[in-house]
Amino acid sequence: AALKAAAEKAGVQHLTGTVTEVAPGRITARLGQAPG
C-alpha cells in the first residue's frame, strides 16, 4: 500500500488493464472498459 501511494505521489500513471503482448519499446493491452 505504501509503495502504491509513493508511486502515485511521484507521478506514476497507473492504468488498469491486461497486457497481451510485449515487444521492445511497445506493449499491447486491453485497458479498462475500452473496446479492442
Full PDB file with SEQRES, HELIX, SHEET, SSBOND, CRYST1, ORIGX, SCALE, CONECT and MASTER records, all heavy atoms in Angstrom:
SEQRES   1 A   36  ALA ALA LEU LYS ALA ALA ALA GLU LYS ALA GLY VAL GLN          
SEQRES   2 A   36  HIS LEU THR GLY THR VAL THR GLU VAL ALA PRO GLY ARG          
SEQRES   3 A   36  ILE THR ALA ARG LEU GLY GLN ALA PRO GLY                      
HELIX    1 AA1 ALA A    2  LYS A    9  1                                   8    
SHEET    1 AA1 2 GLY A  17  ALA A  23  0                                        
SHEET    2 AA1 2 ARG A  26  LEU A  31 -1                                        
CRYST1    1.000    1.000    1.000  90.00  90.00  90.00 P 1           1          
ORIGX1      1.000000  0.000000  0.000000        0.00000                         
ORIGX2      0.000000  1.000000  0.000000        0.00000                         
ORIGX3      0.000000  0.000000  1.000000        0.00000                         
SCALE1      1.000000  0.000000  0.000000        0.00000                         
SCALE2      0.000000  1.000000  0.000000        0.00000                         
SCALE3      0.000000  0.000000  1.000000        0.00000                         
ATOM      1  N   ALA A   1       0.836  -1.207   0.000  1.00  0.00           N  
ATOM      2  CA  ALA A   1       0.000   0.000   0.000  1.00  0.00           C  
ATOM      3  C   ALA A   1       0.870   1.257   0.000  1.00  0.00           C  
ATOM      4  O   ALA A   1       0.579   2.243  -0.703  1.00  0.00           O  
ATOM      5  CB  ALA A   1      -0.937  -0.001   1.199  1.00  0.00           C  
ATOM      6  N   ALA A   2       1.962   1.233   0.773  1.00  0.00           N  
ATOM      7  CA  ALA A   2       2.859   2.384   0.806  1.00  0.00           C  
ATOM      8  C   ALA A   2       3.564   2.570  -0.535  1.00  0.00           C  
ATOM      9  O   ALA A   2       3.740   3.697  -1.011  1.00  0.00           O  
ATOM     10  CB  ALA A   2       3.881   2.220   1.928  1.00  0.00           C  
ATOM     11  N   LEU A   3       3.981   1.468  -1.162  1.00  0.00           N  
ATOM     12  CA  LEU A   3       4.609   1.575  -2.481  1.00  0.00           C  
ATOM     13  C   LEU A   3       3.657   2.196  -3.498  1.00  0.00           C  
ATOM     14  O   LEU A   3       4.043   3.054  -4.301  1.00  0.00           O  
ATOM     15  CB  LEU A   3       5.053   0.198  -2.961  1.00  0.00           C  
ATOM     16  CG  LEU A   3       6.333  -0.383  -2.353  1.00  0.00           C  
ATOM     17  CD1 LEU A   3       6.524  -1.825  -2.802  1.00  0.00           C  
ATOM     18  CD2 LEU A   3       7.559   0.456  -2.732  1.00  0.00           C  
ATOM     19  N   LYS A   4       2.394   1.768  -3.466  1.00  0.00           N  
ATOM     20  CA  LYS A   4       1.414   2.330  -4.399  1.00  0.00           C  
ATOM     21  C   LYS A   4       1.225   3.823  -4.154  1.00  0.00           C  
ATOM     22  O   LYS A   4       1.153   4.622  -5.103  1.00  0.00           O  
ATOM     23  CB  LYS A   4       0.085   1.598  -4.259  1.00  0.00           C  
ATOM     24  CG  LYS A   4       0.090   0.183  -4.815  1.00  0.00           C  
ATOM     25  CD  LYS A   4      -1.283  -0.449  -4.676  1.00  0.00           C  
ATOM     26  CE  LYS A   4      -1.350  -1.804  -5.343  1.00  0.00           C  
ATOM     27  NZ  LYS A   4      -2.695  -2.423  -5.240  1.00  0.00           N  
ATOM     28  N   ALA A   5       1.150   4.207  -2.880  1.00  0.00           N  
ATOM     29  CA  ALA A   5       0.975   5.626  -2.559  1.00  0.00           C  
ATOM     30  C   ALA A   5       2.190   6.437  -2.987  1.00  0.00           C  
ATOM     31  O   ALA A   5       2.059   7.551  -3.522  1.00  0.00           O  
ATOM     32  CB  ALA A   5       0.721   5.788  -1.059  1.00  0.00           C  
ATOM     33  N   ALA A   6       3.385   5.892  -2.772  1.00  0.00           N  
ATOM     34  CA  ALA A   6       4.606   6.595  -3.156  1.00  0.00           C  
ATOM     35  C   ALA A   6       4.688   6.738  -4.672  1.00  0.00           C  
ATOM     36  O   ALA A   6       5.092   7.794  -5.186  1.00  0.00           O  
ATOM     37  CB  ALA A   6       5.827   5.837  -2.630  1.00  0.00           C  
ATOM     38  N   ALA A   7       4.321   5.691  -5.397  1.00  0.00           N  
ATOM     39  CA  ALA A   7       4.351   5.756  -6.859  1.00  0.00           C  
ATOM     40  C   ALA A   7       3.391   6.828  -7.369  1.00  0.00           C  
ATOM     41  O   ALA A   7       3.724   7.613  -8.276  1.00  0.00           O  
ATOM     42  CB  ALA A   7       3.995   4.388  -7.448  1.00  0.00           C  
ATOM     43  N   GLU A   8       2.210   6.882  -6.784  1.00  0.00           N  
ATOM     44  CA  GLU A   8       1.235   7.896  -7.199  1.00  0.00           C  
ATOM     45  C   GLU A   8       1.762   9.305  -6.928  1.00  0.00           C  
ATOM     46  O   GLU A   8       1.666  10.192  -7.780  1.00  0.00           O  
ATOM     47  CB  GLU A   8      -0.087   7.671  -6.469  1.00  0.00           C  
ATOM     48  CG  GLU A   8      -1.175   8.639  -6.882  1.00  0.00           C  
ATOM     49  CD  GLU A   8      -2.496   8.383  -6.166  1.00  0.00           C  
ATOM     50  OE1 GLU A   8      -2.580   7.425  -5.373  1.00  0.00           O  
ATOM     51  OE2 GLU A   8      -3.436   9.159  -6.395  1.00  0.00           O  
ATOM     52  N   LYS A   9       2.336   9.509  -5.741  1.00  0.00           N  
ATOM     53  CA  LYS A   9       2.871  10.829  -5.395  1.00  0.00           C  
ATOM     54  C   LYS A   9       4.023  11.225  -6.299  1.00  0.00           C  
ATOM     55  O   LYS A   9       4.241  12.416  -6.570  1.00  0.00           O  
ATOM     56  CB  LYS A   9       3.315  10.848  -3.934  1.00  0.00           C  
ATOM     57  CG  LYS A   9       2.174  10.815  -2.933  1.00  0.00           C  
ATOM     58  CD  LYS A   9       2.661  11.009  -1.504  1.00  0.00           C  
ATOM     59  CE  LYS A   9       3.177  12.405  -1.275  1.00  0.00           C  
ATOM     60  NZ  LYS A   9       3.477  12.679   0.148  1.00  0.00           N  
ATOM     61  N   ALA A  10       4.774  10.227  -6.768  1.00  0.00           N  
ATOM     62  CA  ALA A  10       5.920  10.514  -7.637  1.00  0.00           C  
ATOM     63  C   ALA A  10       5.516  10.754  -9.084  1.00  0.00           C  
ATOM     64  O   ALA A  10       6.359  11.067  -9.926  1.00  0.00           O  
ATOM     65  CB  ALA A  10       6.926   9.364  -7.562  1.00  0.00           C  
ATOM     66  N   GLY A  11       4.221  10.578  -9.386  1.00  0.00           N  
ATOM     67  CA  GLY A  11       3.727  10.882 -10.725  1.00  0.00           C  
ATOM     68  C   GLY A  11       3.568   9.689 -11.645  1.00  0.00           C  
ATOM     69  O   GLY A  11       3.354   9.858 -12.851  1.00  0.00           O  
ATOM     70  N   VAL A  12       3.638   8.478 -11.109  1.00  0.00           N  
ATOM     71  CA  VAL A  12       3.445   7.294 -11.938  1.00  0.00           C  
ATOM     72  C   VAL A  12       1.999   7.244 -12.431  1.00  0.00           C  
ATOM     73  O   VAL A  12       1.058   7.420 -11.656  1.00  0.00           O  
ATOM     74  CB  VAL A  12       3.779   6.011 -11.147  1.00  0.00           C  
ATOM     75  CG1 VAL A  12       3.408   4.760 -11.956  1.00  0.00           C  
ATOM     76  CG2 VAL A  12       5.253   5.991 -10.772  1.00  0.00           C  
ATOM     77  N   GLN A  13       1.824   7.016 -13.718  1.00  0.00           N  
ATOM     78  CA  GLN A  13       0.483   6.844 -14.281  1.00  0.00           C  
ATOM     79  C   GLN A  13       0.107   5.368 -14.163  1.00  0.00           C  
ATOM     80  O   GLN A  13       0.795   4.495 -14.687  1.00  0.00           O  
ATOM     81  CB  GLN A  13       0.441   7.270 -15.748  1.00  0.00           C  
ATOM     82  CG  GLN A  13      -0.944   7.115 -16.369  1.00  0.00           C  
ATOM     83  CD  GLN A  13      -0.974   7.425 -17.857  1.00  0.00           C  
ATOM     84  OE1 GLN A  13       0.048   7.315 -18.539  1.00  0.00           O  
ATOM     85  NE2 GLN A  13      -2.126   7.820 -18.369  1.00  0.00           N  
ATOM     86  N   HIS A  14      -0.988   5.096 -13.472  1.00  0.00           N  
ATOM     87  CA  HIS A  14      -1.440   3.721 -13.270  1.00  0.00           C  
ATOM     88  C   HIS A  14      -2.631   3.453 -14.170  1.00  0.00           C  
ATOM     89  O   HIS A  14      -3.658   4.133 -14.091  1.00  0.00           O  
ATOM     90  CB  HIS A  14      -1.823   3.487 -11.810  1.00  0.00           C  
ATOM     91  CG  HIS A  14      -2.245   2.078 -11.519  1.00  0.00           C  
ATOM     92  ND1 HIS A  14      -3.513   1.625 -11.762  1.00  0.00           N  
ATOM     93  CD2 HIS A  14      -1.549   1.024 -11.010  1.00  0.00           C  
ATOM     94  CE1 HIS A  14      -3.599   0.347 -11.416  1.00  0.00           C  
ATOM     95  NE2 HIS A  14      -2.422  -0.040 -10.966  1.00  0.00           N  
ATOM     96  N   LEU A  15      -2.502   2.450 -15.023  1.00  0.00           N  
ATOM     97  CA  LEU A  15      -3.576   2.043 -15.910  1.00  0.00           C  
ATOM     98  C   LEU A  15      -4.031   0.640 -15.535  1.00  0.00           C  
ATOM     99  O   LEU A  15      -3.203  -0.249 -15.313  1.00  0.00           O  
ATOM    100  CB  LEU A  15      -3.115   2.051 -17.377  1.00  0.00           C  
ATOM    101  CG  LEU A  15      -2.625   3.387 -17.936  1.00  0.00           C  
ATOM    102  CD1 LEU A  15      -2.167   3.210 -19.383  1.00  0.00           C  
ATOM    103  CD2 LEU A  15      -3.701   4.462 -17.835  1.00  0.00           C  
ATOM    104  N   THR A  16      -5.346   0.447 -15.480  1.00  0.00           N  
ATOM    105  CA  THR A  16      -5.895  -0.873 -15.215  1.00  0.00           C  
ATOM    106  C   THR A  16      -6.150  -1.574 -16.538  1.00  0.00           C  
ATOM    107  O   THR A  16      -6.854  -1.042 -17.406  1.00  0.00           O  
ATOM    108  CB  THR A  16      -7.206  -0.770 -14.424  1.00  0.00           C  
ATOM    109  OG1 THR A  16      -6.945  -0.117 -13.181  1.00  0.00           O  
ATOM    110  CG2 THR A  16      -7.779  -2.155 -14.145  1.00  0.00           C  
ATOM    111  N   GLY A  17      -5.572  -2.735 -16.689  1.00  0.00           N  
ATOM    112  CA  GLY A  17      -5.746  -3.460 -17.936  1.00  0.00           C  
ATOM    113  C   GLY A  17      -4.922  -4.723 -17.969  1.00  0.00           C  
ATOM    114  O   GLY A  17      -4.172  -5.019 -17.042  1.00  0.00           O  
ATOM    115  N   THR A  18      -5.074  -5.453 -19.043  1.00  0.00           N  
ATOM    116  CA  THR A  18      -4.363  -6.708 -19.223  1.00  0.00           C  
ATOM    117  C   THR A  18      -3.462  -6.601 -20.443  1.00  0.00           C  
ATOM    118  O   THR A  18      -3.941  -6.345 -21.560  1.00  0.00           O  
ATOM    119  CB  THR A  18      -5.349  -7.872 -19.418  1.00  0.00           C  
ATOM    120  OG1 THR A  18      -6.182  -7.969 -18.269  1.00  0.00           O  
ATOM    121  CG2 THR A  18      -4.601  -9.189 -19.609  1.00  0.00           C  
ATOM    122  N   VAL A  19      -2.174  -6.771 -20.216  1.00  0.00           N  
ATOM    123  CA  VAL A  19      -1.216  -6.734 -21.320  1.00  0.00           C  
ATOM    124  C   VAL A  19      -1.243  -8.082 -22.031  1.00  0.00           C  
ATOM    125  O   VAL A  19      -1.142  -9.134 -21.401  1.00  0.00           O  
ATOM    126  CB  VAL A  19       0.201  -6.417 -20.813  1.00  0.00           C  
ATOM    127  CG1 VAL A  19       1.213  -6.483 -21.955  1.00  0.00           C  
ATOM    128  CG2 VAL A  19       0.222  -5.022 -20.173  1.00  0.00           C  
ATOM    129  N   THR A  20      -1.403  -8.048 -23.345  1.00  0.00           N  
ATOM    130  CA  THR A  20      -1.482  -9.282 -24.124  1.00  0.00           C  
ATOM    131  C   THR A  20      -0.199  -9.583 -24.884  1.00  0.00           C  
ATOM    132  O   THR A  20       0.052 -10.739 -25.241  1.00  0.00           O  
ATOM    133  CB  THR A  20      -2.649  -9.216 -25.115  1.00  0.00           C  
ATOM    134  OG1 THR A  20      -2.485  -8.062 -25.970  1.00  0.00           O  
ATOM    135  CG2 THR A  20      -3.984  -9.104 -24.380  1.00  0.00           C  
ATOM    136  N   GLU A  21       0.595  -8.556 -25.135  1.00  0.00           N  
ATOM    137  CA  GLU A  21       1.831  -8.770 -25.899  1.00  0.00           C  
ATOM    138  C   GLU A  21       2.818  -7.662 -25.572  1.00  0.00           C  
ATOM    139  O   GLU A  21       2.436  -6.501 -25.363  1.00  0.00           O  
ATOM    140  CB  GLU A  21       1.541  -8.780 -27.404  1.00  0.00           C  
ATOM    141  CG  GLU A  21       2.739  -9.119 -28.272  1.00  0.00           C  
ATOM    142  CD  GLU A  21       2.395  -9.206 -29.753  1.00  0.00           C  
ATOM    143  OE1 GLU A  21       1.206  -9.014 -30.089  1.00  0.00           O  
ATOM    144  OE2 GLU A  21       3.305  -9.460 -30.564  1.00  0.00           O  
ATOM    145  N   VAL A  22       4.082  -8.024 -25.519  1.00  0.00           N  
ATOM    146  CA  VAL A  22       5.139  -7.031 -25.310  1.00  0.00           C  
ATOM    147  C   VAL A  22       6.152  -7.161 -26.436  1.00  0.00           C  
ATOM    148  O   VAL A  22       6.303  -8.217 -27.058  1.00  0.00           O  
ATOM    149  CB  VAL A  22       5.839  -7.229 -23.944  1.00  0.00           C  
ATOM    150  CG1 VAL A  22       4.871  -7.025 -22.799  1.00  0.00           C  
ATOM    151  CG2 VAL A  22       6.509  -8.592 -23.851  1.00  0.00           C  
ATOM    152  N   ALA A  23       6.830  -6.061 -26.680  1.00  0.00           N  
ATOM    153  CA  ALA A  23       7.925  -6.023 -27.645  1.00  0.00           C  
ATOM    154  C   ALA A  23       8.864  -4.918 -27.186  1.00  0.00           C  
ATOM    155  O   ALA A  23       8.483  -4.072 -26.364  1.00  0.00           O  
ATOM    156  CB  ALA A  23       7.394  -5.739 -29.054  1.00  0.00           C  
ATOM    157  N   PRO A  24      10.101  -4.905 -27.655  1.00  0.00           N  
ATOM    158  CA  PRO A  24      10.994  -3.815 -27.262  1.00  0.00           C  
ATOM    159  C   PRO A  24      10.377  -2.451 -27.551  1.00  0.00           C  
ATOM    160  O   PRO A  24      10.017  -2.140 -28.687  1.00  0.00           O  
ATOM    161  CB  PRO A  24      12.238  -4.079 -28.119  1.00  0.00           C  
ATOM    162  CG  PRO A  24      12.235  -5.562 -28.328  1.00  0.00           C  
ATOM    163  CD  PRO A  24      10.785  -5.909 -28.481  1.00  0.00           C  
ATOM    164  N   GLY A  25      10.167  -1.677 -26.490  1.00  0.00           N  
ATOM    165  CA  GLY A  25       9.628  -0.337 -26.644  1.00  0.00           C  
ATOM    166  C   GLY A  25       8.148  -0.261 -26.930  1.00  0.00           C  
ATOM    167  O   GLY A  25       7.642   0.817 -27.252  1.00  0.00           O  
ATOM    168  N   ARG A  26       7.412  -1.368 -26.748  1.00  0.00           N  
ATOM    169  CA  ARG A  26       5.993  -1.328 -27.100  1.00  0.00           C  
ATOM    170  C   ARG A  26       5.234  -2.425 -26.355  1.00  0.00           C  
ATOM    171  O   ARG A  26       5.740  -3.517 -26.151  1.00  0.00           O  
ATOM    172  CB  ARG A  26       5.823  -1.520 -28.603  1.00  0.00           C  
ATOM    173  CG  ARG A  26       4.395  -1.581 -29.083  1.00  0.00           C  
ATOM    174  CD  ARG A  26       4.346  -1.649 -30.604  1.00  0.00           C  
ATOM    175  NE  ARG A  26       5.154  -2.742 -31.129  1.00  0.00           N  
ATOM    176  CZ  ARG A  26       4.747  -4.014 -31.174  1.00  0.00           C  
ATOM    177  NH1 ARG A  26       3.558  -4.355 -30.701  1.00  0.00           N  
ATOM    178  NH2 ARG A  26       5.529  -4.949 -31.688  1.00  0.00           N  
ATOM    179  N   ILE A  27       3.996  -2.117 -25.971  1.00  0.00           N  
ATOM    180  CA  ILE A  27       3.113  -3.135 -25.395  1.00  0.00           C  
ATOM    181  C   ILE A  27       1.738  -3.014 -26.041  1.00  0.00           C  
ATOM    182  O   ILE A  27       1.343  -1.944 -26.521  1.00  0.00           O  
ATOM    183  CB  ILE A  27       2.995  -3.016 -23.856  1.00  0.00           C  
ATOM    184  CG1 ILE A  27       2.285  -1.708 -23.438  1.00  0.00           C  
ATOM    185  CG2 ILE A  27       4.360  -3.092 -23.192  1.00  0.00           C  
ATOM    186  CD1 ILE A  27       0.816  -1.866 -23.130  1.00  0.00           C  
ATOM    187  N   THR A  28       1.023  -4.119 -26.035  1.00  0.00           N  
ATOM    188  CA  THR A  28      -0.365  -4.145 -26.481  1.00  0.00           C  
ATOM    189  C   THR A  28      -1.207  -4.608 -25.306  1.00  0.00           C  
ATOM    190  O   THR A  28      -0.872  -5.603 -24.654  1.00  0.00           O  
ATOM    191  CB  THR A  28      -0.549  -5.104 -27.669  1.00  0.00           C  
ATOM    192  OG1 THR A  28       0.329  -4.703 -28.726  1.00  0.00           O  
ATOM    193  CG2 THR A  28      -1.988  -5.076 -28.169  1.00  0.00           C  
ATOM    194  N   ALA A  29      -2.297  -3.876 -25.018  1.00  0.00           N  
ATOM    195  CA  ALA A  29      -3.088  -4.192 -23.836  1.00  0.00           C  
ATOM    196  C   ALA A  29      -4.558  -3.896 -24.066  1.00  0.00           C  
ATOM    197  O   ALA A  29      -4.924  -3.061 -24.904  1.00  0.00           O  
ATOM    198  CB  ALA A  29      -2.583  -3.387 -22.634  1.00  0.00           C  
ATOM    199  N   ARG A  30      -5.384  -4.585 -23.293  1.00  0.00           N  
ATOM    200  CA  ARG A  30      -6.800  -4.234 -23.182  1.00  0.00           C  
ATOM    201  C   ARG A  30      -6.939  -3.389 -21.927  1.00  0.00           C  
ATOM    202  O   ARG A  30      -6.717  -3.880 -20.815  1.00  0.00           O  
ATOM    203  CB  ARG A  30      -7.661  -5.497 -23.092  1.00  0.00           C  
ATOM    204  CG  ARG A  30      -7.648  -6.337 -24.372  1.00  0.00           C  
ATOM    205  CD  ARG A  30      -8.676  -7.471 -24.294  1.00  0.00           C  
ATOM    206  NE  ARG A  30      -8.349  -8.406 -23.235  1.00  0.00           N  
ATOM    207  CZ  ARG A  30      -7.577  -9.471 -23.394  1.00  0.00           C  
ATOM    208  NH1 ARG A  30      -7.027  -9.734 -24.580  1.00  0.00           N  
ATOM    209  NH2 ARG A  30      -7.337 -10.285 -22.380  1.00  0.00           N  
ATOM    210  N   LEU A  31      -7.314  -2.128 -22.098  1.00  0.00           N  
ATOM    211  CA  LEU A  31      -7.323  -1.184 -20.992  1.00  0.00           C  
ATOM    212  C   LEU A  31      -8.742  -0.869 -20.541  1.00  0.00           C  
ATOM    213  O   LEU A  31      -9.580  -0.458 -21.354  1.00  0.00           O  
ATOM    214  CB  LEU A  31      -6.625   0.113 -21.394  1.00  0.00           C  
ATOM    215  CG  LEU A  31      -5.147   0.001 -21.771  1.00  0.00           C  
ATOM    216  CD1 LEU A  31      -4.599   1.364 -22.182  1.00  0.00           C  
ATOM    217  CD2 LEU A  31      -4.339  -0.576 -20.604  1.00  0.00           C  
ATOM    218  N   GLY A  32      -8.998  -1.055 -19.241  1.00  0.00           N  
ATOM    219  CA  GLY A  32     -10.276  -0.675 -18.662  1.00  0.00           C  
ATOM    220  C   GLY A  32     -11.453  -1.212 -19.444  1.00  0.00           C  
ATOM    221  O   GLY A  32     -11.521  -2.378 -19.807  1.00  0.00           O  
ATOM    222  N   GLN A  33     -12.404  -0.318 -19.719  1.00  0.00           N  
ATOM    223  CA  GLN A  33     -13.608  -0.675 -20.473  1.00  0.00           C  
ATOM    224  C   GLN A  33     -13.493  -0.360 -21.952  1.00  0.00           C  
ATOM    225  O   GLN A  33     -14.455  -0.518 -22.706  1.00  0.00           O  
ATOM    226  CB  GLN A  33     -14.806   0.086 -19.883  1.00  0.00           C  
ATOM    227  CG  GLN A  33     -15.038  -0.150 -18.396  1.00  0.00           C  
ATOM    228  CD  GLN A  33     -15.302  -1.616 -18.093  1.00  0.00           C  
ATOM    229  OE1 GLN A  33     -16.058  -2.268 -18.802  1.00  0.00           O  
ATOM    230  NE2 GLN A  33     -14.676  -2.127 -17.038  1.00  0.00           N  
ATOM    231  N   ALA A  34     -12.307   0.083 -22.371  1.00  0.00           N  
ATOM    232  CA  ALA A  34     -12.138   0.466 -23.774  1.00  0.00           C  
ATOM    233  C   ALA A  34     -12.254  -0.765 -24.673  1.00  0.00           C  
ATOM    234  O   ALA A  34     -11.734  -1.829 -24.346  1.00  0.00           O  
ATOM    235  CB  ALA A  34     -10.779   1.133 -23.963  1.00  0.00           C  
ATOM    236  N   PRO A  35     -12.927  -0.632 -25.809  1.00  0.00           N  
ATOM    237  CA  PRO A  35     -13.039  -1.770 -26.736  1.00  0.00           C  
ATOM    238  C   PRO A  35     -11.707  -2.035 -27.429  1.00  0.00           C  
ATOM    239  O   PRO A  35     -10.883  -1.138 -27.630  1.00  0.00           O  
ATOM    240  CB  PRO A  35     -14.101  -1.298 -27.734  1.00  0.00           C  
ATOM    241  CG  PRO A  35     -13.997   0.191 -27.709  1.00  0.00           C  
ATOM    242  CD  PRO A  35     -13.624   0.569 -26.303  1.00  0.00           C  
ATOM    243  N   GLY A  36     -11.488  -3.277 -27.798  1.00  0.00           N  
ATOM    244  CA  GLY A  36     -10.295  -3.620 -28.551  1.00  0.00           C  
ATOM    245  C   GLY A  36      -9.033  -3.485 -27.715  1.00  0.00           C  
ATOM    246  O   GLY A  36      -9.059  -3.516 -26.491  1.00  0.00           O  
TER     247      GLY A  36                                                      
MASTER        0    0    0    1    2    0    0    6  246    1    0    3          
END                                                                             
